[in-house]
Amino acid sequence: MARQMQEYAVSQTLHWFRRFDDYRLAQQTARWEPLPPYARDGFTVGVMGAGVLGTRVAESLAEWAFPVRTWSRSRKKRVKITSFAGADELPAFLQATRVLINLLPSTPETAGLINETLLAQLPAGAIVMNLARGAHLVEDDLLAALNRGHIKGAMLDVFAREPLPPDNPLWQHPRVAITPHVAAATLEEEAIAFIAEIIARRERGERPAGEIDRVRGY
């Protein structure tokens, strides 16, 4: 799953960095208009969640020489990645984040976290990518921020209600791209190999990888 998340996040970040979203809109009106490129050192990517998936995504984007930062419950030490931790450091994390990628775990504390207050702390023209859970995002708040122009665009793979109803305004918004919860599917061969490894570890008396802390919720 980590590799699929990497593919998704990197491809979309490059899509925005090269302004293909703007060129797509220009194509719809037959407008030939080369646009000035973005500066890479100002195109900061912020990943919310620094677990296995979030770390792999952040490391992949750092390899493309983007400034990369993560935000999580506890501080992480990663080469080329700036770590922010805890509620007190969330505003500083958001302040310079040009592309916000959500890969947080689903807990009572993270439900509705991407709301009007959080979106307002992102710089004008920021972009939001939600790859974690639909419950993290307040969809009406995102739509309002898009319509005001504060948020430039969004890539959404998960939703509070799935399938996303046909009358949901996100479908028709010109600055929203949608995929049907496919960012990282469970692949049969990988799942079988993972289960086999867990069984083997148990038989050897070892602690299996990927255990969930029921108190933390992830």
C-alpha atoms as a PDB file:
ATOM      1  CA  MET A   1       0.000   0.000   0.000  1.00  0.00           C
ATOM      2  CA  ALA A   2       2.855   2.381   0.750  1.00  0.00           C
ATOM      3  CA  ARG A   3       4.090   2.270  -2.836  1.00  0.00           C
ATOM      4  CA  GLN A   4       0.620   3.067  -4.171  1.00  0.00           C
ATOM      5  CA  MET A   5       0.320   6.017  -1.796  1.00  0.00           C
ATOM      6  CA  GLN A   6       3.704   7.241  -2.983  1.00  0.00           C
ATOM      7  CA  GLU A   7       2.620   7.024  -6.620  1.00  0.00           C
ATOM      8  CA  TYR A   8      -0.607   8.887  -5.948  1.00  0.00           C
ATOM      9  CA  ALA A   9       0.880  11.668  -3.826  1.00  0.00           C
ATOM     10  CA  VAL A  10       3.948  12.265  -5.989  1.00  0.00           C
ATOM     11  CA  SER A  11       1.998  12.254  -9.255  1.00  0.00           C
ATOM     12  CA  GLN A  12      -0.523  14.790  -8.009  1.00  0.00           C
ATOM     13  CA  THR A  13       2.063  17.041  -6.401  1.00  0.00           C
ATOM     14  CA  LEU A  14       3.972  17.150  -9.692  1.00  0.00           C
ATOM     15  CA  HIS A  15       0.673  17.769 -11.518  1.00  0.00           C
ATOM     16  CA  TRP A  16       0.114  20.920  -9.460  1.00  0.00           C
ATOM     17  CA  PHE A  17       3.753  21.990  -9.439  1.00  0.00           C
ATOM     18  CA  ARG A  18       3.846  21.936 -13.245  1.00  0.00           C
ATOM     19  CA  ARG A  19       0.474  23.776 -13.287  1.00  0.00           C
ATOM     20  CA  PHE A  20      -1.290  21.085 -15.299  1.00  0.00           C
ATOM     21  CA  ASP A  21      -4.485  21.926 -13.399  1.00  0.00           C
ATOM     22  CA  ASP A  22      -4.330  25.460 -14.798  1.00  0.00           C
ATOM     23  CA  TYR A  23      -3.533  24.226 -18.294  1.00  0.00           C
ATOM     24  CA  ARG A  24      -6.487  21.838 -18.141  1.00  0.00           C
ATOM     25  CA  LEU A  25      -8.826  24.735 -17.411  1.00  0.00           C
ATOM     26  CA  ALA A  26      -7.214  26.791 -20.186  1.00  0.00           C
ATOM     27  CA  GLN A  27      -7.801  23.943 -22.631  1.00  0.00           C
ATOM     28  CA  GLN A  28     -11.524  24.050 -21.926  1.00  0.00           C
ATOM     29  CA  THR A  29     -11.666  27.581 -23.367  1.00  0.00           C
ATOM     30  CA  ALA A  30      -9.074  26.958 -26.116  1.00  0.00           C
ATOM     31  CA  ARG A  31      -6.699  29.380 -24.436  1.00  0.00           C
ATOM     32  CA  TRP A  32      -2.995  29.096 -25.382  1.00  0.00           C
ATOM     33  CA  GLU A  33      -1.235  30.718 -22.431  1.00  0.00           C
ATOM     34  CA  PRO A  34       2.182  29.594 -21.139  1.00  0.00           C
ATOM     35  CA  LEU A  35       2.258  30.236 -17.387  1.00  0.00           C
ATOM     36  CA  PRO A  36       5.243  31.198 -15.210  1.00  0.00           C
ATOM     37  CA  PRO A  37       6.603  28.165 -13.358  1.00  0.00           C
ATOM     38  CA  TYR A  38       6.456  27.818  -9.598  1.00  0.00           C
ATOM     39  CA  ALA A  39       9.687  28.000  -7.616  1.00  0.00           C
ATOM     40  CA  ARG A  40      10.474  24.557  -6.232  1.00  0.00           C
ATOM     41  CA  ASP A  41      11.968  25.908  -3.012  1.00  0.00           C
ATOM     42  CA  GLY A  42       8.690  27.681  -2.278  1.00  0.00           C
ATOM     43  CA  PHE A  43       6.466  24.722  -3.082  1.00  0.00           C
ATOM     44  CA  THR A  44       6.453  23.262   0.431  1.00  0.00           C
ATOM     45  CA  VAL A  45       4.629  19.955   0.924  1.00  0.00           C
ATOM     46  CA  GLY A  46       3.164  19.220   4.349  1.00  0.00           C
ATOM     47  CA  VAL A  47       2.150  15.662   5.239  1.00  0.00           C
ATOM     48  CA  MET A  48      -0.250  15.255   8.129  1.00  0.00           C
ATOM     49  CA  GLY A  49       0.548  11.906   9.715  1.00  0.00           C
ATOM     50  CA  ALA A  50       4.039  10.458   9.953  1.00  0.00           C
ATOM     51  CA  GLY A  51       3.343   6.764  10.282  1.00  0.00           C
ATOM     52  CA  VAL A  52       4.437   4.187   7.717  1.00  0.00           C
ATOM     53  CA  LEU A  53       2.422   5.670   4.851  1.00  0.00           C
ATOM     54  CA  GLY A  54       3.024   9.314   5.709  1.00  0.00           C
ATOM     55  CA  THR A  55       6.762   8.784   6.109  1.00  0.00           C
ATOM     56  CA  ARG A  56       7.085   6.942   2.807  1.00  0.00           C
ATOM     57  CA  VAL A  57       5.166   9.682   1.002  1.00  0.00           C
ATOM     58  CA  ALA A  58       7.236  12.433   2.627  1.00  0.00           C
ATOM     59  CA  GLU A  59      10.507  10.686   1.769  1.00  0.00           C
ATOM     60  CA  SER A  60       9.422  10.226  -1.852  1.00  0.00           C
ATOM     61  CA  LEU A  61       8.599  13.911  -2.246  1.00  0.00           C
ATOM     62  CA  ALA A  62      11.870  14.932  -0.618  1.00  0.00           C
ATOM     63  CA  GLU A  63      13.655  12.985  -3.355  1.00  0.00           C
ATOM     64  CA  TRP A  64      12.083  15.416  -5.843  1.00  0.00           C
ATOM     65  CA  ALA A  65      13.781  18.237  -3.939  1.00  0.00           C
ATOM     66  CA  PHE A  66      10.579  19.763  -2.574  1.00  0.00           C
ATOM     67  CA  PRO A  67      10.742  21.242   0.923  1.00  0.00           C
ATOM     68  CA  VAL A  68       8.876  18.609   2.958  1.00  0.00           C
ATOM     69  CA  ARG A  69       7.476  18.720   6.479  1.00  0.00           C
ATOM     70  CA  THR A  70       5.369  16.357   8.552  1.00  0.00           C
ATOM     71  CA  TRP A  71       2.998  16.858  11.455  1.00  0.00           C
ATOM     72  CA  SER A  72       2.190  14.096  13.922  1.00  0.00           C
ATOM     73  CA  ARG A  73       1.515  13.395  17.575  1.00  0.00           C
ATOM     74  CA  SER A  74       5.199  12.892  18.374  1.00  0.00           C
ATOM     75  CA  ARG A  75       8.332  14.307  16.730  1.00  0.00           C
ATOM     76  CA  LYS A  76      10.064  12.226  14.063  1.00  0.00           C
ATOM     77  CA  LYS A  77      13.669  12.294  12.926  1.00  0.00           C
ATOM     78  CA  ARG A  78      13.997  11.933   9.170  1.00  0.00           C
ATOM     79  CA  VAL A  79      16.668  13.118   6.753  1.00  0.00           C
ATOM     80  CA  LYS A  80      15.543  16.076   4.578  1.00  0.00           C
ATOM     81  CA  ILE A  81      12.170  16.290   6.382  1.00  0.00           C
ATOM     82  CA  THR A  82      11.181  18.886   8.988  1.00  0.00           C
ATOM     83  CA  SER A  83       9.076  17.452  11.805  1.00  0.00           C
ATOM     84  CA  PHE A  84       6.311  19.272  13.671  1.00  0.00           C
ATOM     85  CA  ALA A  85       4.513  17.642  16.577  1.00  0.00           C
ATOM     86  CA  GLY A  86       1.470  18.254  18.727  1.00  0.00           C
ATOM     87  CA  ALA A  87      -1.394  20.717  18.641  1.00  0.00           C
ATOM     88  CA  ASP A  88       0.823  23.650  19.632  1.00  0.00           C
ATOM     89  CA  GLU A  89       2.963  23.250  16.495  1.00  0.00           C
ATOM     90  CA  LEU A  90       0.106  22.743  14.027  1.00  0.00           C
ATOM     91  CA  PRO A  91      -0.199  26.475  13.136  1.00  0.00           C
ATOM     92  CA  ALA A  92       3.537  26.695  12.349  1.00  0.00           C
ATOM     93  CA  PHE A  93       3.278  23.538  10.239  1.00  0.00           C
ATOM     94  CA  LEU A  94       0.391  24.972   8.232  1.00  0.00           C
ATOM     95  CA  GLN A  95       1.802  28.460   7.771  1.00  0.00           C
ATOM     96  CA  ALA A  96       4.095  27.663   4.831  1.00  0.00           C
ATOM     97  CA  THR A  97       2.463  24.469   3.552  1.00  0.00           C
ATOM     98  CA  ARG A  98       1.624  24.877  -0.135  1.00  0.00           C
ATOM     99  CA  VAL A  99       0.379  21.301  -0.634  1.00  0.00           C
ATOM    100  CA  LEU A 100      -1.360  19.664   2.331  1.00  0.00           C
ATOM    101  CA  ILE A 101      -1.497  15.857   2.180  1.00  0.00           C
ATOM    102  CA  ASN A 102      -3.629  14.134   4.804  1.00  0.00           C
ATOM    103  CA  LEU A 103      -2.525  10.676   5.906  1.00  0.00           C
ATOM    104  CA  LEU A 104      -3.627  10.852   9.530  1.00  0.00           C
ATOM    105  CA  PRO A 105      -5.092   7.866  11.385  1.00  0.00           C
ATOM    106  CA  SER A 106      -8.819   7.933  12.049  1.00  0.00           C
ATOM    107  CA  THR A 107      -9.378   8.748  15.729  1.00  0.00           C
ATOM    108  CA  PRO A 108     -11.865  10.868  17.680  1.00  0.00           C
ATOM    109  CA  GLU A 109      -9.177  13.560  17.909  1.00  0.00           C
ATOM    110  CA  THR A 110      -8.645  13.772  14.138  1.00  0.00           C
ATOM    111  CA  ALA A 111     -12.321  13.705  13.077  1.00  0.00           C
ATOM    112  CA  GLY A 112     -13.240  16.986  11.377  1.00  0.00           C
ATOM    113  CA  LEU A 113      -9.718  18.335  11.802  1.00  0.00           C
ATOM    114  CA  ILE A 114      -9.514  19.717   8.256  1.00  0.00           C
ATOM    115  CA  ASN A 115     -12.096  22.403   8.779  1.00  0.00           C
ATOM    116  CA  GLU A 116     -12.581  26.131   8.265  1.00  0.00           C
ATOM    117  CA  THR A 117     -10.121  27.039  11.022  1.00  0.00           C
ATOM    118  CA  LEU A 118      -7.355  24.795   9.701  1.00  0.00           C
ATOM    119  CA  LEU A 119      -7.848  25.743   6.049  1.00  0.00           C
ATOM    120  CA  ALA A 120      -7.669  29.446   6.907  1.00  0.00           C
ATOM    121  CA  GLN A 121      -4.172  28.907   8.337  1.00  0.00           C
ATOM    122  CA  LEU A 122      -2.814  27.620   5.020  1.00  0.00           C
ATOM    123  CA  PRO A 123      -1.284  30.218   2.698  1.00  0.00           C
ATOM    124  CA  ALA A 124      -3.532  31.615  -0.029  1.00  0.00           C
ATOM    125  CA  GLY A 125      -3.429  29.368  -3.072  1.00  0.00           C
ATOM    126  CA  ALA A 126      -2.710  26.179  -1.130  1.00  0.00           C
ATOM    127  CA  ILE A 127      -3.880  22.779  -2.336  1.00  0.00           C
ATOM    128  CA  VAL A 128      -5.434  19.962  -0.294  1.00  0.00           C
ATOM    129  CA  MET A 129      -5.075  16.235  -0.891  1.00  0.00           C
ATOM    130  CA  ASN A 130      -7.108  13.873   1.319  1.00  0.00           C
ATOM    131  CA  LEU A 131      -5.968  10.251   1.136  1.00  0.00           C
ATOM    132  CA  ALA A 132      -6.795   9.099   4.662  1.00  0.00           C
ATOM    133  CA  ARG A 133     -10.448   9.112   5.751  1.00  0.00           C
ATOM    134  CA  GLY A 134     -13.465  11.133   4.729  1.00  0.00           C
ATOM    135  CA  ALA A 135     -14.212  11.884   8.390  1.00  0.00           C
ATOM    136  CA  HIS A 136     -11.109  14.073   8.596  1.00  0.00           C
ATOM    137  CA  LEU A 137     -12.482  16.658   6.167  1.00  0.00           C
ATOM    138  CA  VAL A 138     -15.431  19.003   6.633  1.00  0.00           C
ATOM    139  CA  GLU A 139     -16.523  19.067   2.994  1.00  0.00           C
ATOM    140  CA  ASP A 140     -18.657  22.221   3.246  1.00  0.00           C
ATOM    141  CA  ASP A 141     -15.727  24.125   4.742  1.00  0.00           C
ATOM    142  CA  LEU A 142     -13.476  23.016   1.892  1.00  0.00           C
ATOM    143  CA  LEU A 143     -16.046  24.079  -0.698  1.00  0.00           C
ATOM    144  CA  ALA A 144     -16.354  27.492   0.944  1.00  0.00           C
ATOM    145  CA  ALA A 145     -12.559  27.939   0.956  1.00  0.00           C
ATOM    146  CA  LEU A 146     -12.393  26.911  -2.718  1.00  0.00           C
ATOM    147  CA  ASN A 147     -15.156  29.297  -3.696  1.00  0.00           C
ATOM    148  CA  ARG A 148     -13.432  32.169  -1.885  1.00  0.00           C
ATOM    149  CA  GLY A 149     -10.235  31.346  -3.771  1.00  0.00           C
ATOM    150  CA  HIS A 150      -8.210  30.829  -0.599  1.00  0.00           C
ATOM    151  CA  ILE A 151      -7.736  27.144  -1.483  1.00  0.00           C
ATOM    152  CA  LYS A 152      -6.645  26.732  -5.116  1.00  0.00           C
ATOM    153  CA  GLY A 153      -7.589  23.102  -5.592  1.00  0.00           C
ATOM    154  CA  ALA A 154      -8.221  19.734  -4.015  1.00  0.00           C
ATOM    155  CA  MET A 155      -7.597  16.078  -4.808  1.00  0.00           C
ATOM    156  CA  LEU A 156      -9.991  13.866  -2.880  1.00  0.00           C
ATOM    157  CA  ASP A 157      -9.970  10.080  -2.682  1.00  0.00           C
ATOM    158  CA  VAL A 158     -12.081   9.515   0.457  1.00  0.00           C
ATOM    159  CA  PHE A 159     -15.388  10.956   1.605  1.00  0.00           C
ATOM    160  CA  ALA A 160     -17.685  11.046   4.606  1.00  0.00           C
ATOM    161  CA  ARG A 161     -20.280   9.204   2.535  1.00  0.00           C
ATOM    162  CA  GLU A 162     -19.188   6.639  -0.038  1.00  0.00           C
ATOM    163  CA  PRO A 163     -20.043   6.291  -2.835  1.00  0.00           C
ATOM    164  CA  LEU A 164     -20.119  10.056  -3.114  1.00  0.00           C
ATOM    165  CA  PRO A 165     -23.740  10.973  -4.013  1.00  0.00           C
ATOM    166  CA  PRO A 166     -24.217  12.216  -7.614  1.00  0.00           C
ATOM    167  CA  ASP A 167     -25.683  15.514  -6.385  1.00  0.00           C
ATOM    168  CA  ASN A 168     -22.699  16.361  -4.182  1.00  0.00           C
ATOM    169  CA  PRO A 169     -21.288  19.715  -5.411  1.00  0.00           C
ATOM    170  CA  LEU A 170     -17.727  18.402  -5.186  1.00  0.00           C
ATOM    171  CA  TRP A 171     -18.327  16.420  -8.398  1.00  0.00           C
ATOM    172  CA  GLN A 172     -18.846  19.533 -10.488  1.00  0.00           C
ATOM    173  CA  HIS A 173     -16.365  21.921  -8.892  1.00  0.00           C
ATOM    174  CA  PRO A 174     -13.750  22.980 -11.480  1.00  0.00           C
ATOM    175  CA  ARG A 175     -10.957  22.942  -8.913  1.00  0.00           C
ATOM    176  CA  VAL A 176     -11.695  19.514  -7.424  1.00  0.00           C
ATOM    177  CA  ALA A 177     -10.447  16.161  -8.740  1.00  0.00           C
ATOM    178  CA  ILE A 178     -12.028  12.966  -7.412  1.00  0.00           C
ATOM    179  CA  THR A 179     -11.032   9.310  -7.317  1.00  0.00           C
ATOM    180  CA  PRO A 180     -13.231   6.546  -5.814  1.00  0.00           C
ATOM    181  CA  HIS A 181     -11.150   5.479  -2.773  1.00  0.00           C
ATOM    182  CA  VAL A 182      -8.399   3.901  -4.881  1.00  0.00           C
ATOM    183  CA  ALA A 183      -5.257   5.656  -3.627  1.00  0.00           C
ATOM    184  CA  ALA A 184      -3.971   2.446  -2.055  1.00  0.00           C
ATOM    185  CA  ALA A 185      -5.957  -0.739  -2.568  1.00  0.00           C
ATOM    186  CA  THR A 186      -5.261  -4.005  -0.792  1.00  0.00           C
ATOM    187  CA  LEU A 187      -3.536  -6.196  -3.380  1.00  0.00           C
ATOM    188  CA  GLU A 188      -4.191  -9.914  -2.996  1.00  0.00           C
ATOM    189  CA  GLU A 189      -0.615 -11.141  -3.418  1.00  0.00           C
ATOM    190  CA  GLU A 190       0.804  -8.554  -1.030  1.00  0.00           C
ATOM    191  CA  ALA A 191      -1.892  -9.269   1.560  1.00  0.00           C
ATOM    192  CA  ILE A 192      -1.248 -13.022   1.434  1.00  0.00           C
ATOM    193  CA  ALA A 193       2.488 -12.487   1.855  1.00  0.00           C
ATOM    194  CA  PHE A 194       1.899 -10.130   4.790  1.00  0.00           C
ATOM    195  CA  ILE A 195      -0.433 -12.570   6.552  1.00  0.00           C
ATOM    196  CA  ALA A 196       2.038 -15.403   6.004  1.00  0.00           C
ATOM    197  CA  GLU A 197       4.808 -13.307   7.548  1.00  0.00           C
ATOM    198  CA  ILE A 198       2.653 -12.538  10.599  1.00  0.00           C
ATOM    199  CA  ILE A 199       1.949 -16.242  11.104  1.00  0.00           C
ATOM    200  CA  ALA A 200       5.641 -17.059  10.730  1.00  0.00           C
ATOM    201  CA  ARG A 201       6.590 -14.435  13.302  1.00  0.00           C
ATOM    202  CA  ARG A 202       4.021 -15.766  15.757  1.00  0.00           C
ATOM    203  CA  GLU A 203       5.325 -19.279  15.316  1.00  0.00           C
ATOM    204  CA  ARG A 204       8.857 -18.044  16.039  1.00  0.00           C
ATOM    205  CA  GLY A 205       7.641 -16.298  19.156  1.00  0.00           C
ATOM    206  CA  GLU A 206       8.297 -12.858  17.659  1.00  0.00           C
ATOM    207  CA  ARG A 207       6.108  -9.765  17.761  1.00  0.00           C
ATOM    208  CA  PRO A 208       4.375  -9.233  14.396  1.00  0.00           C
ATOM    209  CA  ALA A 209       4.740  -5.984  12.486  1.00  0.00           C
ATOM    210  CA  GLY A 210       1.830  -3.590  12.095  1.00  0.00           C
ATOM    211  CA  GLU A 211       0.193  -4.086  15.477  1.00  0.00           C
ATOM    212  CA  ILE A 212      -2.467  -1.550  16.456  1.00  0.00           C
ATOM    213  CA  ASP A 213      -2.485   0.247  19.791  1.00  0.00           C
ATOM    214  CA  ARG A 214      -6.152   0.102  20.791  1.00  0.00           C
ATOM    215  CA  VAL A 215      -5.749   3.036  23.176  1.00  0.00           C
ATOM    216  CA  ARG A 216      -4.300   5.382  20.529  1.00  0.00           C
ATOM    217  CA  GLY A 217      -6.574   3.959  17.821  1.00  0.00           C
ATOM    218  CA  TYR A 218      -3.824   3.201  15.279  1.00  0.00           C
END
